[in-house]
Amino acid sequence: MRVDELASCRRRLEEFAGEVFASLACADQRVKGWSYLRGLLLDGRRKSMRPMAGRPGGAISGRSSS
């Protein structure tokens, strides 16, 4: 893929994520939702929050919301 194609895909994904996570009340929940979505789409065998947060670009803090 060319750089401009990747940028276009990213914009579309950000728009989609904005719509999907708009109903979440807290901004930090929306950030975590975006990080989780991005982690699902990136390479990596494990698709749980902790391993995805440790990957480059993972914006999830070490604290748990449970």
PDB file of N, CA and C in Angstrom:
ATOM      1  N   MET A   1       0.828  -1.185   0.000  1.00  0.00           N
ATOM      2  CA  MET A   1       0.000   0.000   0.000  1.00  0.00           C
ATOM      3  C   MET A   1       0.869   1.243   0.000  1.00  0.00           C
ATOM      4  N   ARG A   2       0.413   2.243  -0.695  1.00  0.00           N
ATOM      5  CA  ARG A   2       1.139   3.512  -0.721  1.00  0.00           C
ATOM      6  C   ARG A   2       0.803   4.323   0.532  1.00  0.00           C
ATOM      7  N   VAL A   3       1.634   5.297   0.819  1.00  0.00           N
ATOM      8  CA  VAL A   3       1.473   6.135   2.008  1.00  0.00           C
ATOM      9  C   VAL A   3       0.124   6.855   1.981  1.00  0.00           C
ATOM     10  N   ASP A   4      -0.273   7.383   0.834  1.00  0.00           N
ATOM     11  CA  ASP A   4      -1.548   8.090   0.756  1.00  0.00           C
ATOM     12  C   ASP A   4      -2.731   7.148   0.960  1.00  0.00           C
ATOM     13  N   GLU A   5      -2.602   5.898   0.525  1.00  0.00           N
ATOM     14  CA  GLU A   5      -3.657   4.907   0.746  1.00  0.00           C
ATOM     15  C   GLU A   5      -3.762   4.558   2.228  1.00  0.00           C
ATOM     16  N   LEU A   6      -2.609   4.416   2.880  1.00  0.00           N
ATOM     17  CA  LEU A   6      -2.613   4.136   4.318  1.00  0.00           C
ATOM     18  C   LEU A   6      -3.238   5.289   5.098  1.00  0.00           C
ATOM     19  N   ALA A   7      -2.912   6.517   4.717  1.00  0.00           N
ATOM     20  CA  ALA A   7      -3.478   7.683   5.390  1.00  0.00           C
ATOM     21  C   ALA A   7      -4.995   7.716   5.216  1.00  0.00           C
ATOM     22  N   SER A   8      -5.463   7.377   4.044  1.00  0.00           N
ATOM     23  CA  SER A   8      -6.903   7.342   3.786  1.00  0.00           C
ATOM     24  C   SER A   8      -7.585   6.270   4.636  1.00  0.00           C
ATOM     25  N   CYS A   9      -6.965   5.096   4.730  1.00  0.00           N
ATOM     26  CA  CYS A   9      -7.524   4.013   5.560  1.00  0.00           C
ATOM     27  C   CYS A   9      -7.573   4.426   7.020  1.00  0.00           C
ATOM     28  N   ARG A  10      -6.528   5.078   7.478  1.00  0.00           N
ATOM     29  CA  ARG A  10      -6.486   5.516   8.870  1.00  0.00           C
ATOM     30  C   ARG A  10      -7.599   6.525   9.150  1.00  0.00           C
ATOM     31  N   ARG A  11      -7.792   7.477   8.242  1.00  0.00           N
ATOM     32  CA  ARG A  11      -8.868   8.468   8.416  1.00  0.00           C
ATOM     33  C   ARG A  11     -10.228   7.795   8.492  1.00  0.00           C
ATOM     34  N   ARG A  12     -10.460   6.840   7.600  1.00  0.00           N
ATOM     35  CA  ARG A  12     -11.750   6.135   7.599  1.00  0.00           C
ATOM     36  C   ARG A  12     -11.931   5.330   8.883  1.00  0.00           C
ATOM     37  N   LEU A  13     -10.860   4.690   9.339  1.00  0.00           N
ATOM     38  CA  LEU A  13     -10.929   3.917  10.580  1.00  0.00           C
ATOM     39  C   LEU A  13     -11.187   4.833  11.773  1.00  0.00           C
ATOM     40  N   GLU A  14     -10.536   6.002  11.808  1.00  0.00           N
ATOM     41  CA  GLU A  14     -10.764   6.954  12.901  1.00  0.00           C
ATOM     42  C   GLU A  14     -12.208   7.453  12.907  1.00  0.00           C
ATOM     43  N   GLU A  15     -12.767   7.702  11.724  1.00  0.00           N
ATOM     44  CA  GLU A  15     -14.168   8.118  11.635  1.00  0.00           C
ATOM     45  C   GLU A  15     -15.087   7.017  12.148  1.00  0.00           C
ATOM     46  N   PHE A  16     -14.809   5.785  11.720  1.00  0.00           N
ATOM     47  CA  PHE A  16     -15.607   4.644  12.160  1.00  0.00           C
ATOM     48  C   PHE A  16     -15.529   4.485  13.678  1.00  0.00           C
ATOM     49  N   ALA A  17     -14.315   4.526  14.222  1.00  0.00           N
ATOM     50  CA  ALA A  17     -14.133   4.374  15.667  1.00  0.00           C
ATOM     51  C   ALA A  17     -14.833   5.505  16.412  1.00  0.00           C
ATOM     52  N   GLY A  18     -14.773   6.711  15.875  1.00  0.00           N
ATOM     53  CA  GLY A  18     -15.465   7.836  16.502  1.00  0.00           C
ATOM     54  C   GLY A  18     -16.959   7.591  16.610  1.00  0.00           C
ATOM     55  N   GLU A  19     -17.539   7.023  15.564  1.00  0.00           N
ATOM     56  CA  GLU A  19     -18.973   6.710  15.586  1.00  0.00           C
ATOM     57  C   GLU A  19     -19.274   5.581  16.558  1.00  0.00           C
ATOM     58  N   VAL A  20     -18.457   4.540  16.528  1.00  0.00           N
ATOM     59  CA  VAL A  20     -18.700   3.372  17.384  1.00  0.00           C
ATOM     60  C   VAL A  20     -18.565   3.724  18.862  1.00  0.00           C
ATOM     61  N   PHE A  21     -17.542   4.506  19.213  1.00  0.00           N
ATOM     62  CA  PHE A  21     -17.255   4.786  20.613  1.00  0.00           C
ATOM     63  C   PHE A  21     -17.854   6.104  21.107  1.00  0.00           C
ATOM     64  N   ALA A  22     -18.606   6.793  20.276  1.00  0.00           N
ATOM     65  CA  ALA A  22     -19.193   8.088  20.658  1.00  0.00           C
ATOM     66  C   ALA A  22     -20.142   7.962  21.846  1.00  0.00           C
ATOM     67  N   SER A  23     -20.776   6.832  21.995  1.00  0.00           N
ATOM     68  CA  SER A  23     -21.742   6.670  23.080  1.00  0.00           C
ATOM     69  C   SER A  23     -21.092   6.441  24.444  1.00  0.00           C
ATOM     70  N   LEU A  24     -19.777   6.194  24.473  1.00  0.00           N
ATOM     71  CA  LEU A  24     -19.088   6.003  25.752  1.00  0.00           C
ATOM     72  C   LEU A  24     -18.986   7.347  26.465  1.00  0.00           C
ATOM     73  N   ALA A  25     -19.339   7.350  27.724  1.00  0.00           N
ATOM     74  CA  ALA A  25     -19.451   8.600  28.488  1.00  0.00           C
ATOM     75  C   ALA A  25     -18.107   9.285  28.744  1.00  0.00           C
ATOM     76  N   CYS A  26     -17.093   8.524  29.037  1.00  0.00           N
ATOM     77  CA  CYS A  26     -15.803   9.110  29.435  1.00  0.00           C
ATOM     78  C   CYS A  26     -14.803   9.099  28.286  1.00  0.00           C
ATOM     79  N   ALA A  27     -14.038  10.173  28.192  1.00  0.00           N
ATOM     80  CA  ALA A  27     -13.031  10.283  27.131  1.00  0.00           C
ATOM     81  C   ALA A  27     -12.003   9.162  27.227  1.00  0.00           C
ATOM     82  N   ASP A  28     -11.615   8.770  28.452  1.00  0.00           N
ATOM     83  CA  ASP A  28     -10.615   7.707  28.580  1.00  0.00           C
ATOM     84  C   ASP A  28     -11.157   6.373  28.072  1.00  0.00           C
ATOM     85  N   GLN A  29     -12.468   6.158  28.175  1.00  0.00           N
ATOM     86  CA  GLN A  29     -13.071   4.941  27.622  1.00  0.00           C
ATOM     87  C   GLN A  29     -12.988   4.952  26.094  1.00  0.00           C
ATOM     88  N   ARG A  30     -13.194   6.116  25.499  1.00  0.00           N
ATOM     89  CA  ARG A  30     -13.096   6.226  24.042  1.00  0.00           C
ATOM     90  C   ARG A  30     -11.662   5.987  23.577  1.00  0.00           C
ATOM     91  N   VAL A  31     -10.691   6.500  24.329  1.00  0.00           N
ATOM     92  CA  VAL A  31      -9.280   6.281  23.995  1.00  0.00           C
ATOM     93  C   VAL A  31      -8.945   4.795  24.094  1.00  0.00           C
ATOM     94  N   LYS A  32      -9.399   4.149  25.146  1.00  0.00           N
ATOM     95  CA  LYS A  32      -9.137   2.717  25.310  1.00  0.00           C
ATOM     96  C   LYS A  32      -9.832   1.907  24.218  1.00  0.00           C
ATOM     97  N   GLY A  33     -11.027   2.318  23.844  1.00  0.00           N
ATOM     98  CA  GLY A  33     -11.739   1.636  22.763  1.00  0.00           C
ATOM     99  C   GLY A  33     -10.973   1.724  21.460  1.00  0.00           C
ATOM    100  N   TRP A  34     -10.457   2.919  21.141  1.00  0.00           N
ATOM    101  CA  TRP A  34      -9.662   3.106  19.931  1.00  0.00           C
ATOM    102  C   TRP A  34      -8.395   2.258  19.992  1.00  0.00           C
ATOM    103  N   SER A  35      -7.737   2.228  21.147  1.00  0.00           N
ATOM    104  CA  SER A  35      -6.519   1.427  21.301  1.00  0.00           C
ATOM    105  C   SER A  35      -6.814  -0.055  21.115  1.00  0.00           C
ATOM    106  N   TYR A  36      -7.937  -0.495  21.663  1.00  0.00           N
ATOM    107  CA  TYR A  36      -8.326  -1.902  21.537  1.00  0.00           C
ATOM    108  C   TYR A  36      -8.612  -2.245  20.079  1.00  0.00           C
ATOM    109  N   LEU A  37      -9.353  -1.397  19.397  1.00  0.00           N
ATOM    110  CA  LEU A  37      -9.664  -1.625  17.988  1.00  0.00           C
ATOM    111  C   LEU A  37      -8.389  -1.691  17.156  1.00  0.00           C
ATOM    112  N   ARG A  38      -7.489  -0.746  17.387  1.00  0.00           N
ATOM    113  CA  ARG A  38      -6.223  -0.724  16.661  1.00  0.00           C
ATOM    114  C   ARG A  38      -5.431  -2.005  16.953  1.00  0.00           C
ATOM    115  N   GLY A  39      -5.425  -2.438  18.204  1.00  0.00           N
ATOM    116  CA  GLY A  39      -4.713  -3.661  18.577  1.00  0.00           C
ATOM    117  C   GLY A  39      -5.270  -4.895  17.901  1.00  0.00           C
ATOM    118  N   LEU A  40      -6.583  -4.928  17.716  1.00  0.00           N
ATOM    119  CA  LEU A  40      -7.187  -6.065  17.026  1.00  0.00           C
ATOM    120  C   LEU A  40      -6.738  -6.139  15.569  1.00  0.00           C
ATOM    121  N   LEU A  41      -6.488  -4.986  14.972  1.00  0.00           N
ATOM    122  CA  LEU A  41      -6.130  -4.945  13.561  1.00  0.00           C
ATOM    123  C   LEU A  41      -4.638  -5.114  13.304  1.00  0.00           C
ATOM    124  N   LEU A  42      -3.799  -4.860  14.308  1.00  0.00           N
ATOM    125  CA  LEU A  42      -2.352  -4.980  14.137  1.00  0.00           C
ATOM    126  C   LEU A  42      -1.910  -6.426  14.259  1.00  0.00           C
ATOM    127  N   ASP A  43      -0.686  -6.684  13.836  1.00  0.00           N
ATOM    128  CA  ASP A  43      -0.099  -8.009  14.004  1.00  0.00           C
ATOM    129  C   ASP A  43       0.027  -8.331  15.486  1.00  0.00           C
ATOM    130  N   GLY A  44       0.065  -9.585  15.771  1.00  0.00           N
ATOM    131  CA  GLY A  44       0.233 -10.030  17.151  1.00  0.00           C
ATOM    132  C   GLY A  44      -0.709 -11.184  17.422  1.00  0.00           C
ATOM    133  N   ARG A  45      -0.204 -12.151  18.123  1.00  0.00           N
ATOM    134  CA  ARG A  45      -0.979 -13.351  18.374  1.00  0.00           C
ATOM    135  C   ARG A  45      -2.055 -13.141  19.424  1.00  0.00           C
ATOM    136  N   ARG A  46      -1.685 -12.494  20.522  1.00  0.00           N
ATOM    137  CA  ARG A  46      -2.632 -12.332  21.624  1.00  0.00           C
ATOM    138  C   ARG A  46      -3.426 -11.054  21.435  1.00  0.00           C
ATOM    139  N   LYS A  47      -4.733 -11.156  21.575  1.00  0.00           N
ATOM    140  CA  LYS A  47      -5.610 -10.018  21.323  1.00  0.00           C
ATOM    141  C   LYS A  47      -6.326  -9.548  22.592  1.00  0.00           C
ATOM    142  N   SER A  48      -5.672  -9.712  23.751  1.00  0.00           N
ATOM    143  CA  SER A  48      -6.246  -9.175  24.980  1.00  0.00           C
ATOM    144  C   SER A  48      -5.609  -7.815  25.257  1.00  0.00           C
ATOM    145  N   MET A  49      -6.201  -7.051  26.157  1.00  0.00           N
ATOM    146  CA  MET A  49      -5.795  -5.664  26.392  1.00  0.00           C
ATOM    147  C   MET A  49      -4.327  -5.512  26.791  1.00  0.00           C
ATOM    148  N   ARG A  50      -3.866  -6.304  27.735  1.00  0.00           N
ATOM    149  CA  ARG A  50      -2.502  -6.119  28.247  1.00  0.00           C
ATOM    150  C   ARG A  50      -1.433  -6.324  27.168  1.00  0.00           C
ATOM    151  N   PRO A  51      -1.470  -7.429  26.408  1.00  0.00           N
ATOM    152  CA  PRO A  51      -0.461  -7.574  25.357  1.00  0.00           C
ATOM    153  C   PRO A  51      -0.556  -6.484  24.285  1.00  0.00           C
ATOM    154  N   MET A  52      -1.765  -6.070  23.941  1.00  0.00           N
ATOM    155  CA  MET A  52      -1.917  -5.038  22.921  1.00  0.00           C
ATOM    156  C   MET A  52      -1.406  -3.690  23.427  1.00  0.00           C
ATOM    157  N   ALA A  53      -1.581  -3.423  24.712  1.00  0.00           N
ATOM    158  CA  ALA A  53      -1.123  -2.151  25.275  1.00  0.00           C
ATOM    159  C   ALA A  53       0.388  -2.050  25.246  1.00  0.00           C
ATOM    160  N   GLY A  54       1.073  -3.180  25.318  1.00  0.00           N
ATOM    161  CA  GLY A  54       2.524  -3.178  25.316  1.00  0.00           C
ATOM    162  C   GLY A  54       3.145  -3.016  23.941  1.00  0.00           C
ATOM    163  N   ARG A  55       2.329  -3.106  22.898  1.00  0.00           N
ATOM    164  CA  ARG A  55       2.844  -2.953  21.541  1.00  0.00           C
ATOM    165  C   ARG A  55       3.053  -1.485  21.218  1.00  0.00           C
ATOM    166  N   PRO A  56       3.879  -1.201  20.241  1.00  0.00           N
ATOM    167  CA  PRO A  56       4.071   0.198  19.835  1.00  0.00           C
ATOM    168  C   PRO A  56       2.739   0.858  19.499  1.00  0.00           C
ATOM    169  N   GLY A  57       2.523   2.052  20.033  1.00  0.00           N
ATOM    170  CA  GLY A  57       1.280   2.768  19.797  1.00  0.00           C
ATOM    171  C   GLY A  57       0.191   2.440  20.789  1.00  0.00           C
ATOM    172  N   GLY A  58       0.446   1.507  21.700  1.00  0.00           N
ATOM    173  CA  GLY A  58      -0.543   1.160  22.720  1.00  0.00           C
ATOM    174  C   GLY A  58      -0.670   2.276  23.727  1.00  0.00           C
ATOM    175  N   ALA A  59      -1.867   2.847  23.840  1.00  0.00           N
ATOM    176  CA  ALA A  59      -2.066   4.021  24.699  1.00  0.00           C
ATOM    177  C   ALA A  59      -2.784   3.677  25.994  1.00  0.00           C
ATOM    178  N   ILE A  60      -2.854   2.403  26.312  1.00  0.00           N
ATOM    179  CA  ILE A  60      -3.604   1.981  27.483  1.00  0.00           C
ATOM    180  C   ILE A  60      -2.708   2.016  28.708  1.00  0.00           C
ATOM    181  N   SER A  61      -3.177   2.647  29.777  1.00  0.00           N
ATOM    182  CA  SER A  61      -2.375   2.705  30.999  1.00  0.00           C
ATOM    183  C   SER A  61      -2.391   1.363  31.698  1.00  0.00           C
ATOM    184  N   GLY A  62      -1.563   1.222  32.695  1.00  0.00           N
ATOM    185  CA  GLY A  62      -1.455  -0.022  33.416  1.00  0.00           C
ATOM    186  C   GLY A  62      -2.591  -0.288  34.397  1.00  0.00           C
ATOM    187  N   ARG A  63      -3.452   0.719  34.643  1.00  0.00           N
ATOM    188  CA  ARG A  63      -4.519   0.504  35.621  1.00  0.00           C
ATOM    189  C   ARG A  63      -5.695  -0.206  35.001  1.00  0.00           C
ATOM    190  N   SER A  64      -6.399  -0.941  35.806  1.00  0.00           N
ATOM    191  CA  SER A  64      -7.567  -1.687  35.364  1.00  0.00           C
ATOM    192  C   SER A  64      -8.819  -0.910  35.693  1.00  0.00           C
ATOM    193  N   SER A  65      -9.842  -1.029  34.845  1.00  0.00           N
ATOM    194  CA  SER A  65     -11.091  -0.326  35.106  1.00  0.00           C
ATOM    195  C   SER A  65     -12.076  -1.210  35.856  1.00  0.00           C
ATOM    196  N   SER A  66     -11.685  -2.429  36.210  1.00  0.00           N
ATOM    197  CA  SER A  66     -12.603  -3.314  36.935  1.00  0.00           C
ATOM    198  C   SER A  66     -12.420  -3.255  38.420  1.00  0.00           C
TER     199      SER A  66
END
